[in-house]
Amino acid sequence: MQRSTGMQSNEHPHDIPLADSEPVGWGWRGFLLALWVGGSFGGMYFVRQLEQITVLGWPLGYWLAAQGLIIGYVCIVAFYAWLANRRERRRRIPLAGPDGEGV
C-alpha cells in the first residue's frame, strides 16, 4: 500500500510554504537572538561593575568572559535544537496505523 505524504499528485515537494519547512518560528529565533545579544553586549557593558565582585580569587568579569558566556551560548544552541526536534516530531507522518497497515 502506498504511503500518503499529504501532497496532491501535482504538487512538488519543494512547493511547501517556507513557514512550514522552517524548524523554528521567527518569534523564538528573535527571542534567542535577543538573549545572545544581551549576553554578549550586556555582560561586557557592565564589566567594570562586575570586576568589583570576586569569585574564587578572580573577578566576576573574567569568569563571564572565560566560561559564563560560552556556556550561555551552548545553552541557547541546545534550546534551539530541542525546539527544532520537537517541531519535527510533531510534523512527522506515521508510517503505519494502529492496525499495522500503511496510512
PDB file of N, CA and C in Angstrom:
ATOM      1  N   MET A   1       0.846  -1.175   0.000  1.00  0.00           N
ATOM      2  CA  MET A   1       0.000   0.000   0.000  1.00  0.00           C
ATOM      3  C   MET A   1       0.889   1.236   0.000  1.00  0.00           C
ATOM      4  N   GLN A   2       0.522   2.236  -0.729  1.00  0.00           N
ATOM      5  CA  GLN A   2       1.329   3.444  -0.855  1.00  0.00           C
ATOM      6  C   GLN A   2       1.108   4.367   0.336  1.00  0.00           C
ATOM      7  N   ARG A   3       2.190   4.938   0.818  1.00  0.00           N
ATOM      8  CA  ARG A   3       2.123   5.853   1.957  1.00  0.00           C
ATOM      9  C   ARG A   3       1.663   7.224   1.497  1.00  0.00           C
ATOM     10  N   SER A   4       0.754   7.815   2.258  1.00  0.00           N
ATOM     11  CA  SER A   4       0.258   9.152   1.934  1.00  0.00           C
ATOM     12  C   SER A   4       1.239  10.190   2.440  1.00  0.00           C
ATOM     13  N   THR A   5       1.571  11.148   1.592  1.00  0.00           N
ATOM     14  CA  THR A   5       2.501  12.206   2.001  1.00  0.00           C
ATOM     15  C   THR A   5       1.795  13.494   2.315  1.00  0.00           C
ATOM     16  N   GLY A   6       0.491  13.543   2.109  1.00  0.00           N
ATOM     17  CA  GLY A   6      -0.242  14.768   2.387  1.00  0.00           C
ATOM     18  C   GLY A   6      -0.196  15.764   1.242  1.00  0.00           C
ATOM     19  N   MET A   7       0.460  15.417   0.123  1.00  0.00           N
ATOM     20  CA  MET A   7       0.554  16.313  -1.024  1.00  0.00           C
ATOM     21  C   MET A   7      -0.329  15.779  -2.139  1.00  0.00           C
ATOM     22  N   GLN A   8      -0.832  16.661  -2.962  1.00  0.00           N
ATOM     23  CA  GLN A   8      -1.567  16.273  -4.152  1.00  0.00           C
ATOM     24  C   GLN A   8      -0.568  15.741  -5.177  1.00  0.00           C
ATOM     25  N   SER A   9      -1.035  14.986  -6.147  1.00  0.00           N
ATOM     26  CA  SER A   9      -0.133  14.376  -7.124  1.00  0.00           C
ATOM     27  C   SER A   9       0.570  15.410  -7.994  1.00  0.00           C
ATOM     28  N   ASN A  10      -0.012  16.614  -8.146  1.00  0.00           N
ATOM     29  CA  ASN A  10       0.603  17.629  -8.996  1.00  0.00           C
ATOM     30  C   ASN A  10       1.508  18.576  -8.213  1.00  0.00           C
ATOM     31  N   GLU A  11       1.629  18.398  -6.900  1.00  0.00           N
ATOM     32  CA  GLU A  11       2.480  19.271  -6.088  1.00  0.00           C
ATOM     33  C   GLU A  11       3.905  18.738  -6.068  1.00  0.00           C
ATOM     34  N   HIS A  12       4.827  19.621  -6.036  1.00  0.00           N
ATOM     35  CA  HIS A  12       6.242  19.281  -5.938  1.00  0.00           C
ATOM     36  C   HIS A  12       6.657  19.390  -4.484  1.00  0.00           C
ATOM     37  N   PRO A  13       7.566  18.532  -3.973  1.00  0.00           N
ATOM     38  CA  PRO A  13       7.951  18.610  -2.566  1.00  0.00           C
ATOM     39  C   PRO A  13       8.564  19.947  -2.180  1.00  0.00           C
ATOM     40  N   HIS A  14       9.122  20.659  -3.143  1.00  0.00           N
ATOM     41  CA  HIS A  14       9.730  21.952  -2.831  1.00  0.00           C
ATOM     42  C   HIS A  14       8.714  23.090  -2.831  1.00  0.00           C
ATOM     43  N   ASP A  15       7.444  22.787  -3.099  1.00  0.00           N
ATOM     44  CA  ASP A  15       6.403  23.801  -3.087  1.00  0.00           C
ATOM     45  C   ASP A  15       5.780  23.994  -1.709  1.00  0.00           C
ATOM     46  N   ILE A  16       6.369  23.386  -0.687  1.00  0.00           N
ATOM     47  CA  ILE A  16       5.864  23.535   0.677  1.00  0.00           C
ATOM     48  C   ILE A  16       6.120  24.977   1.109  1.00  0.00           C
ATOM     49  N   PRO A  17       5.146  25.642   1.733  1.00  0.00           N
ATOM     50  CA  PRO A  17       5.369  27.017   2.192  1.00  0.00           C
ATOM     51  C   PRO A  17       6.576  27.100   3.119  1.00  0.00           C
ATOM     52  N   LEU A  18       7.334  28.179   3.000  1.00  0.00           N
ATOM     53  CA  LEU A  18       8.562  28.339   3.771  1.00  0.00           C
ATOM     54  C   LEU A  18       8.303  28.267   5.266  1.00  0.00           C
ATOM     55  N   ALA A  19       7.203  28.833   5.735  1.00  0.00           N
ATOM     56  CA  ALA A  19       6.901  28.819   7.165  1.00  0.00           C
ATOM     57  C   ALA A  19       6.715  27.399   7.676  1.00  0.00           C
ATOM     58  N   ASP A  20       6.230  26.479   6.836  1.00  0.00           N
ATOM     59  CA  ASP A  20       6.036  25.100   7.261  1.00  0.00           C
ATOM     60  C   ASP A  20       7.325  24.297   7.229  1.00  0.00           C
ATOM     61  N   SER A  21       8.318  24.752   6.472  1.00  0.00           N
ATOM     62  CA  SER A  21       9.557  23.996   6.371  1.00  0.00           C
ATOM     63  C   SER A  21      10.636  24.472   7.332  1.00  0.00           C
ATOM     64  N   GLU A  22      10.424  25.592   7.995  1.00  0.00           N
ATOM     65  CA  GLU A  22      11.429  26.105   8.928  1.00  0.00           C
ATOM     66  C   GLU A  22      11.354  25.342  10.241  1.00  0.00           C
ATOM     67  N   PRO A  23      12.505  25.023  10.829  1.00  0.00           N
ATOM     68  CA  PRO A  23      12.486  24.226  12.057  1.00  0.00           C
ATOM     69  C   PRO A  23      11.946  24.980  13.265  1.00  0.00           C
ATOM     70  N   VAL A  24      12.146  26.285  13.333  1.00  0.00           N
ATOM     71  CA  VAL A  24      11.698  27.089  14.477  1.00  0.00           C
ATOM     72  C   VAL A  24      11.174  28.414  13.943  1.00  0.00           C
ATOM     73  N   GLY A  25      10.092  28.918  14.536  1.00  0.00           N
ATOM     74  CA  GLY A  25       9.490  30.157  14.085  1.00  0.00           C
ATOM     75  C   GLY A  25      10.333  31.382  14.391  1.00  0.00           C
ATOM     76  N   TRP A  26       9.966  32.485  13.744  1.00  0.00           N
ATOM     77  CA  TRP A  26      10.722  33.730  13.894  1.00  0.00           C
ATOM     78  C   TRP A  26      10.609  34.318  15.294  1.00  0.00           C
ATOM     79  N   GLY A  27       9.527  34.061  15.990  1.00  0.00           N
ATOM     80  CA  GLY A  27       9.387  34.560  17.358  1.00  0.00           C
ATOM     81  C   GLY A  27      10.448  33.975  18.277  1.00  0.00           C
ATOM     82  N   TRP A  28      10.621  32.655  18.188  1.00  0.00           N
ATOM     83  CA  TRP A  28      11.654  32.006  19.009  1.00  0.00           C
ATOM     84  C   TRP A  28      13.054  32.426  18.567  1.00  0.00           C
ATOM     85  N   ARG A  29      13.255  32.551  17.264  1.00  0.00           N
ATOM     86  CA  ARG A  29      14.572  32.987  16.781  1.00  0.00           C
ATOM     87  C   ARG A  29      14.908  34.380  17.300  1.00  0.00           C
ATOM     88  N   GLY A  30      13.931  35.276  17.256  1.00  0.00           N
ATOM     89  CA  GLY A  30      14.155  36.631  17.767  1.00  0.00           C
ATOM     90  C   GLY A  30      14.463  36.632  19.251  1.00  0.00           C
ATOM     91  N   PHE A  31      13.740  35.812  20.006  1.00  0.00           N
ATOM     92  CA  PHE A  31      13.981  35.721  21.449  1.00  0.00           C
ATOM     93  C   PHE A  31      15.384  35.202  21.740  1.00  0.00           C
ATOM     94  N   LEU A  32      15.791  34.127  21.061  1.00  0.00           N
ATOM     95  CA  LEU A  32      17.126  33.567  21.284  1.00  0.00           C
ATOM     96  C   LEU A  32      18.222  34.518  20.815  1.00  0.00           C
ATOM     97  N   LEU A  33      17.959  35.249  19.736  1.00  0.00           N
ATOM     98  CA  LEU A  33      18.923  36.245  19.276  1.00  0.00           C
ATOM     99  C   LEU A  33      19.052  37.376  20.289  1.00  0.00           C
ATOM    100  N   ALA A  34      17.930  37.778  20.887  1.00  0.00           N
ATOM    101  CA  ALA A  34      17.977  38.815  21.926  1.00  0.00           C
ATOM    102  C   ALA A  34      18.767  38.338  23.143  1.00  0.00           C
ATOM    103  N   LEU A  35      18.617  37.064  23.507  1.00  0.00           N
ATOM    104  CA  LEU A  35      19.427  36.510  24.605  1.00  0.00           C
ATOM    105  C   LEU A  35      20.913  36.556  24.261  1.00  0.00           C
ATOM    106  N   TRP A  36      21.241  36.203  23.024  1.00  0.00           N
ATOM    107  CA  TRP A  36      22.631  36.226  22.595  1.00  0.00           C
ATOM    108  C   TRP A  36      23.197  37.639  22.645  1.00  0.00           C
ATOM    109  N   VAL A  37      22.446  38.607  22.108  1.00  0.00           N
ATOM    110  CA  VAL A  37      22.902  40.000  22.107  1.00  0.00           C
ATOM    111  C   VAL A  37      23.008  40.518  23.541  1.00  0.00           C
ATOM    112  N   GLY A  38      22.000  40.200  24.359  1.00  0.00           N
ATOM    113  CA  GLY A  38      22.034  40.641  25.756  1.00  0.00           C
ATOM    114  C   GLY A  38      23.220  40.066  26.513  1.00  0.00           C
ATOM    115  N   GLY A  39      23.513  38.800  26.289  1.00  0.00           N
ATOM    116  CA  GLY A  39      24.662  38.188  26.951  1.00  0.00           C
ATOM    117  C   GLY A  39      25.982  38.749  26.448  1.00  0.00           C
ATOM    118  N   SER A  40      26.089  38.921  25.151  1.00  0.00           N
ATOM    119  CA  SER A  40      27.348  39.398  24.569  1.00  0.00           C
ATOM    120  C   SER A  40      27.649  40.838  24.965  1.00  0.00           C
ATOM    121  N   PHE A  41      26.700  41.713  24.712  1.00  0.00           N
ATOM    122  CA  PHE A  41      26.957  43.126  24.941  1.00  0.00           C
ATOM    123  C   PHE A  41      26.636  43.553  26.368  1.00  0.00           C
ATOM    124  N   GLY A  42      25.617  42.943  26.964  1.00  0.00           N
ATOM    125  CA  GLY A  42      25.269  43.291  28.343  1.00  0.00           C
ATOM    126  C   GLY A  42      26.354  42.902  29.328  1.00  0.00           C
ATOM    127  N   GLY A  43      26.886  41.714  29.146  1.00  0.00           N
ATOM    128  CA  GLY A  43      27.960  41.265  30.037  1.00  0.00           C
ATOM    129  C   GLY A  43      29.193  42.147  29.937  1.00  0.00           C
ATOM    130  N   MET A  44      29.535  42.561  28.745  1.00  0.00           N
ATOM    131  CA  MET A  44      30.722  43.400  28.563  1.00  0.00           C
ATOM    132  C   MET A  44      30.446  44.865  28.919  1.00  0.00           C
ATOM    133  N   TYR A  45      29.196  45.300  28.812  1.00  0.00           N
ATOM    134  CA  TYR A  45      28.849  46.672  29.163  1.00  0.00           C
ATOM    135  C   TYR A  45      29.009  46.910  30.669  1.00  0.00           C
ATOM    136  N   PHE A  46      28.671  45.920  31.450  1.00  0.00           N
ATOM    137  CA  PHE A  46      28.747  46.048  32.900  1.00  0.00           C
ATOM    138  C   PHE A  46      30.023  45.448  33.477  1.00  0.00           C
ATOM    139  N   VAL A  47      31.050  45.286  32.669  1.00  0.00           N
ATOM    140  CA  VAL A  47      32.262  44.619  33.129  1.00  0.00           C
ATOM    141  C   VAL A  47      32.955  45.395  34.265  1.00  0.00           C
ATOM    142  N   ARG A  48      32.906  46.701  34.268  1.00  0.00           N
ATOM    143  CA  ARG A  48      33.554  47.468  35.343  1.00  0.00           C
ATOM    144  C   ARG A  48      32.891  47.200  36.696  1.00  0.00           C
ATOM    145  N   GLN A  49      31.563  47.113  36.692  1.00  0.00           N
ATOM    146  CA  GLN A  49      30.872  46.800  37.936  1.00  0.00           C
ATOM    147  C   GLN A  49      31.120  45.347  38.349  1.00  0.00           C
ATOM    148  N   LEU A  50      31.226  44.471  37.366  1.00  0.00           N
ATOM    149  CA  LEU A  50      31.453  43.051  37.664  1.00  0.00           C
ATOM    150  C   LEU A  50      32.874  42.783  38.144  1.00  0.00           C
ATOM    151  N   GLU A  51      33.815  43.642  37.788  1.00  0.00           N
ATOM    152  CA  GLU A  51      35.204  43.463  38.212  1.00  0.00           C
ATOM    153  C   GLU A  51      35.356  43.634  39.722  1.00  0.00           C
ATOM    154  N   GLN A  52      34.410  44.301  40.364  1.00  0.00           N
ATOM    155  CA  GLN A  52      34.487  44.525  41.803  1.00  0.00           C
ATOM    156  C   GLN A  52      34.041  43.295  42.595  1.00  0.00           C
ATOM    157  N   ILE A  53      33.354  42.367  41.942  1.00  0.00           N
ATOM    158  CA  ILE A  53      32.900  41.138  42.596  1.00  0.00           C
ATOM    159  C   ILE A  53      33.933  40.060  42.321  1.00  0.00           C
ATOM    160  N   THR A  54      34.395  39.387  43.378  1.00  0.00           N
ATOM    161  CA  THR A  54      35.428  38.365  43.246  1.00  0.00           C
ATOM    162  C   THR A  54      34.831  36.980  43.507  1.00  0.00           C
ATOM    163  N   VAL A  55      35.160  36.021  42.629  1.00  0.00           N
ATOM    164  CA  VAL A  55      34.721  34.637  42.768  1.00  0.00           C
ATOM    165  C   VAL A  55      35.960  33.752  42.682  1.00  0.00           C
ATOM    166  N   LEU A  56      36.257  33.026  43.757  1.00  0.00           N
ATOM    167  CA  LEU A  56      37.418  32.135  43.825  1.00  0.00           C
ATOM    168  C   LEU A  56      38.723  32.866  43.482  1.00  0.00           C
ATOM    169  N   GLY A  57      38.818  34.087  43.908  1.00  0.00           N
ATOM    170  CA  GLY A  57      40.039  34.858  43.713  1.00  0.00           C
ATOM    171  C   GLY A  57      40.148  35.573  42.379  1.00  0.00           C
ATOM    172  N   TRP A  58      39.173  35.436  41.513  1.00  0.00           N
ATOM    173  CA  TRP A  58      39.209  36.085  40.212  1.00  0.00           C
ATOM    174  C   TRP A  58      37.996  36.993  40.075  1.00  0.00           C
ATOM    175  N   PRO A  59      38.129  38.099  39.344  1.00  0.00           N
ATOM    176  CA  PRO A  59      36.982  38.999  39.136  1.00  0.00           C
ATOM    177  C   PRO A  59      35.862  38.300  38.356  1.00  0.00           C
ATOM    178  N   LEU A  60      34.619  38.664  38.662  1.00  0.00           N
ATOM    179  CA  LEU A  60      33.468  38.051  38.002  1.00  0.00           C
ATOM    180  C   LEU A  60      33.482  38.318  36.499  1.00  0.00           C
ATOM    181  N   GLY A  61      33.980  39.463  36.067  1.00  0.00           N
ATOM    182  CA  GLY A  61      34.082  39.760  34.643  1.00  0.00           C
ATOM    183  C   GLY A  61      34.936  38.737  33.908  1.00  0.00           C
ATOM    184  N   TYR A  62      36.009  38.281  34.551  1.00  0.00           N
ATOM    185  CA  TYR A  62      36.855  37.241  33.963  1.00  0.00           C
ATOM    186  C   TYR A  62      36.066  35.942  33.788  1.00  0.00           C
ATOM    187  N   TRP A  63      35.329  35.558  34.816  1.00  0.00           N
ATOM    188  CA  TRP A  63      34.566  34.312  34.749  1.00  0.00           C
ATOM    189  C   TRP A  63      33.513  34.362  33.636  1.00  0.00           C
ATOM    190  N   LEU A  64      32.861  35.498  33.508  1.00  0.00           N
ATOM    191  CA  LEU A  64      31.853  35.611  32.448  1.00  0.00           C
ATOM    192  C   LEU A  64      32.495  35.529  31.068  1.00  0.00           C
ATOM    193  N   ALA A  65      33.605  36.204  30.891  1.00  0.00           N
ATOM    194  CA  ALA A  65      34.269  36.199  29.588  1.00  0.00           C
ATOM    195  C   ALA A  65      34.881  34.827  29.285  1.00  0.00           C
ATOM    196  N   ALA A  66      35.443  34.176  30.281  1.00  0.00           N
ATOM    197  CA  ALA A  66      36.151  32.924  30.043  1.00  0.00           C
ATOM    198  C   ALA A  66      35.214  31.716  29.926  1.00  0.00           C
ATOM    199  N   GLN A  67      34.204  31.639  30.794  1.00  0.00           N
ATOM    200  CA  GLN A  67      33.342  30.464  30.782  1.00  0.00           C
ATOM    201  C   GLN A  67      31.855  30.781  30.693  1.00  0.00           C
ATOM    202  N   GLY A  68      31.402  31.765  31.415  1.00  0.00           N
ATOM    203  CA  GLY A  68      29.970  32.001  31.555  1.00  0.00           C
ATOM    204  C   GLY A  68      29.235  32.256  30.264  1.00  0.00           C
ATOM    205  N   LEU A  69      29.756  33.143  29.442  1.00  0.00           N
ATOM    206  CA  LEU A  69      29.067  33.464  28.190  1.00  0.00           C
ATOM    207  C   LEU A  69      29.119  32.302  27.200  1.00  0.00           C
ATOM    208  N   ILE A  70      30.219  31.569  27.202  1.00  0.00           N
ATOM    209  CA  ILE A  70      30.325  30.411  26.309  1.00  0.00           C
ATOM    210  C   ILE A  70      29.301  29.355  26.701  1.00  0.00           C
ATOM    211  N   ILE A  71      29.137  29.111  27.995  1.00  0.00           N
ATOM    212  CA  ILE A  71      28.123  28.166  28.465  1.00  0.00           C
ATOM    213  C   ILE A  71      26.733  28.666  28.077  1.00  0.00           C
ATOM    214  N   GLY A  72      26.511  29.961  28.175  1.00  0.00           N
ATOM    215  CA  GLY A  72      25.229  30.534  27.773  1.00  0.00           C
ATOM    216  C   GLY A  72      24.951  30.319  26.293  1.00  0.00           C
ATOM    217  N   TYR A  73      25.964  30.491  25.446  1.00  0.00           N
ATOM    218  CA  TYR A  73      25.787  30.282  24.010  1.00  0.00           C
ATOM    219  C   TYR A  73      25.455  28.818  23.722  1.00  0.00           C
ATOM    220  N   VAL A  74      26.129  27.899  24.391  1.00  0.00           N
ATOM    221  CA  VAL A  74      25.852  26.479  24.198  1.00  0.00           C
ATOM    222  C   VAL A  74      24.424  26.159  24.631  1.00  0.00           C
ATOM    223  N   CYS A  75      23.963  26.767  25.708  1.00  0.00           N
ATOM    224  CA  CYS A  75      22.579  26.560  26.163  1.00  0.00           C
ATOM    225  C   CYS A  75      21.575  27.099  25.146  1.00  0.00           C
ATOM    226  N   ILE A  76      21.871  28.241  24.532  1.00  0.00           N
ATOM    227  CA  ILE A  76      20.987  28.797  23.506  1.00  0.00           C
ATOM    228  C   ILE A  76      20.908  27.850  22.309  1.00  0.00           C
ATOM    229  N   VAL A  77      22.041  27.326  21.864  1.00  0.00           N
ATOM    230  CA  VAL A  77      22.053  26.406  20.724  1.00  0.00           C
ATOM    231  C   VAL A  77      21.326  25.107  21.077  1.00  0.00           C
ATOM    232  N   ALA A  78      21.540  24.588  22.292  1.00  0.00           N
ATOM    233  CA  ALA A  78      20.861  23.359  22.711  1.00  0.00           C
ATOM    234  C   ALA A  78      19.354  23.566  22.771  1.00  0.00           C
ATOM    235  N   PHE A  79      18.902  24.716  23.249  1.00  0.00           N
ATOM    236  CA  PHE A  79      17.474  25.000  23.316  1.00  0.00           C
ATOM    237  C   PHE A  79      16.884  25.118  21.911  1.00  0.00           C
ATOM    238  N   TYR A  80      17.602  25.749  20.993  1.00  0.00           N
ATOM    239  CA  TYR A  80      17.146  25.854  19.602  1.00  0.00           C
ATOM    240  C   TYR A  80      17.014  24.462  18.985  1.00  0.00           C
ATOM    241  N   ALA A  81      18.009  23.594  19.223  1.00  0.00           N
ATOM    242  CA  ALA A  81      17.950  22.235  18.681  1.00  0.00           C
ATOM    243  C   ALA A  81      16.777  21.467  19.275  1.00  0.00           C
ATOM    244  N   TRP A  82      16.513  21.641  20.561  1.00  0.00           N
ATOM    245  CA  TRP A  82      15.388  20.969  21.202  1.00  0.00           C
ATOM    246  C   TRP A  82      14.070  21.424  20.581  1.00  0.00           C
ATOM    247  N   LEU A  83      13.929  22.742  20.364  1.00  0.00           N
ATOM    248  CA  LEU A  83      12.709  23.267  19.736  1.00  0.00           C
ATOM    249  C   LEU A  83      12.530  22.709  18.322  1.00  0.00           C
ATOM    250  N   ALA A  84      13.615  22.673  17.550  1.00  0.00           N
ATOM    251  CA  ALA A  84      13.536  22.172  16.181  1.00  0.00           C
ATOM    252  C   ALA A  84      13.156  20.699  16.163  1.00  0.00           C
ATOM    253  N   ASN A  85      13.742  19.907  17.039  1.00  0.00           N
ATOM    254  CA  ASN A  85      13.414  18.486  17.104  1.00  0.00           C
ATOM    255  C   ASN A  85      11.963  18.266  17.515  1.00  0.00           C
ATOM    256  N   ARG A  86      11.468  19.059  18.448  1.00  0.00           N
ATOM    257  CA  ARG A  86      10.088  18.934  18.899  1.00  0.00           C
ATOM    258  C   ARG A  86       9.114  19.229  17.750  1.00  0.00           C
ATOM    259  N   ARG A  87       9.420  20.271  16.977  1.00  0.00           N
ATOM    260  CA  ARG A  87       8.544  20.605  15.852  1.00  0.00           C
ATOM    261  C   ARG A  87       8.600  19.525  14.778  1.00  0.00           C
ATOM    262  N   GLU A  88       9.773  18.980  14.525  1.00  0.00           N
ATOM    263  CA  GLU A  88       9.896  17.909  13.533  1.00  0.00           C
ATOM    264  C   GLU A  88       9.124  16.672  13.975  1.00  0.00           C
ATOM    265  N   ARG A  89       9.165  16.319  15.242  1.00  0.00           N
ATOM    266  CA  ARG A  89       8.412  15.162  15.741  1.00  0.00           C
ATOM    267  C   ARG A  89       6.915  15.368  15.564  1.00  0.00           C
ATOM    268  N   ARG A  90       6.439  16.587  15.778  1.00  0.00           N
ATOM    269  CA  ARG A  90       5.009  16.866  15.639  1.00  0.00           C
ATOM    270  C   ARG A  90       4.545  16.811  14.193  1.00  0.00           C
ATOM    271  N   ARG A  91       5.437  17.132  13.254  1.00  0.00           N
ATOM    272  CA  ARG A  91       5.057  17.147  11.845  1.00  0.00           C
ATOM    273  C   ARG A  91       5.285  15.810  11.157  1.00  0.00           C
ATOM    274  N   ARG A  92       5.934  14.857  11.798  1.00  0.00           N
ATOM    275  CA  ARG A  92       6.281  13.581  11.186  1.00  0.00           C
ATOM    276  C   ARG A  92       5.013  12.800  10.847  1.00  0.00           C
ATOM    277  N   ILE A  93       5.015  12.191   9.684  1.00  0.00           N
ATOM    278  CA  ILE A  93       3.878  11.386   9.238  1.00  0.00           C
ATOM    279  C   ILE A  93       4.119   9.949   9.673  1.00  0.00           C
ATOM    280  N   PRO A  94       3.155   9.311  10.342  1.00  0.00           N
ATOM    281  CA  PRO A  94       3.355   7.923  10.775  1.00  0.00           C
ATOM    282  C   PRO A  94       3.436   6.977   9.573  1.00  0.00           C
ATOM    283  N   LEU A  95       4.285   5.965   9.683  1.00  0.00           N
ATOM    284  CA  LEU A  95       4.452   5.004   8.599  1.00  0.00           C
ATOM    285  C   LEU A  95       3.342   3.968   8.593  1.00  0.00           C
ATOM    286  N   ALA A  96       2.796   3.643   9.749  1.00  0.00           N
ATOM    287  CA  ALA A  96       1.738   2.636   9.818  1.00  0.00           C
ATOM    288  C   ALA A  96       0.713   3.058  10.843  1.00  0.00           C
ATOM    289  N   GLY A  97      -0.527   2.687  10.597  1.00  0.00           N
ATOM    290  CA  GLY A  97      -1.602   2.981  11.521  1.00  0.00           C
ATOM    291  C   GLY A  97      -1.617   1.972  12.663  1.00  0.00           C
ATOM    292  N   PRO A  98      -2.613   2.059  13.543  1.00  0.00           N
ATOM    293  CA  PRO A  98      -2.676   1.149  14.680  1.00  0.00           C
ATOM    294  C   PRO A  98      -2.879  -0.315  14.282  1.00  0.00           C
ATOM    295  N   ASP A  99      -3.461  -0.564  13.103  1.00  0.00           N
ATOM    296  CA  ASP A  99      -3.677  -1.960  12.668  1.00  0.00           C
ATOM    297  C   ASP A  99      -2.482  -2.515  11.904  1.00  0.00           C
ATOM    298  N   GLY A 100      -1.397  -1.719  11.770  1.00  0.00           N
ATOM    299  CA  GLY A 100      -0.177  -2.200  11.103  1.00  0.00           C
ATOM    300  C   GLY A 100      -0.137  -1.927   9.621  1.00  0.00           C
ATOM    301  N   GLU A 101      -1.241  -1.455   9.051  1.00  0.00           N
ATOM    302  CA  GLU A 101      -1.266  -1.157   7.623  1.00  0.00           C
ATOM    303  C   GLU A 101      -0.765   0.258   7.383  1.00  0.00           C
ATOM    304  N   GLY A 102      -0.291   0.506   6.172  1.00  0.00           N
ATOM    305  CA  GLY A 102       0.189   1.840   5.805  1.00  0.00           C
ATOM    306  C   GLY A 102      -0.918   2.862   5.860  1.00  0.00           C
ATOM    307  N   VAL A 103      -0.556   4.090   6.083  1.00  0.00           N
ATOM    308  CA  VAL A 103      -1.537   5.170   6.188  1.00  0.00           C
ATOM    309  C   VAL A 103      -1.874   5.692   4.826  1.00  0.00           C
TER     310      VAL A 103
END
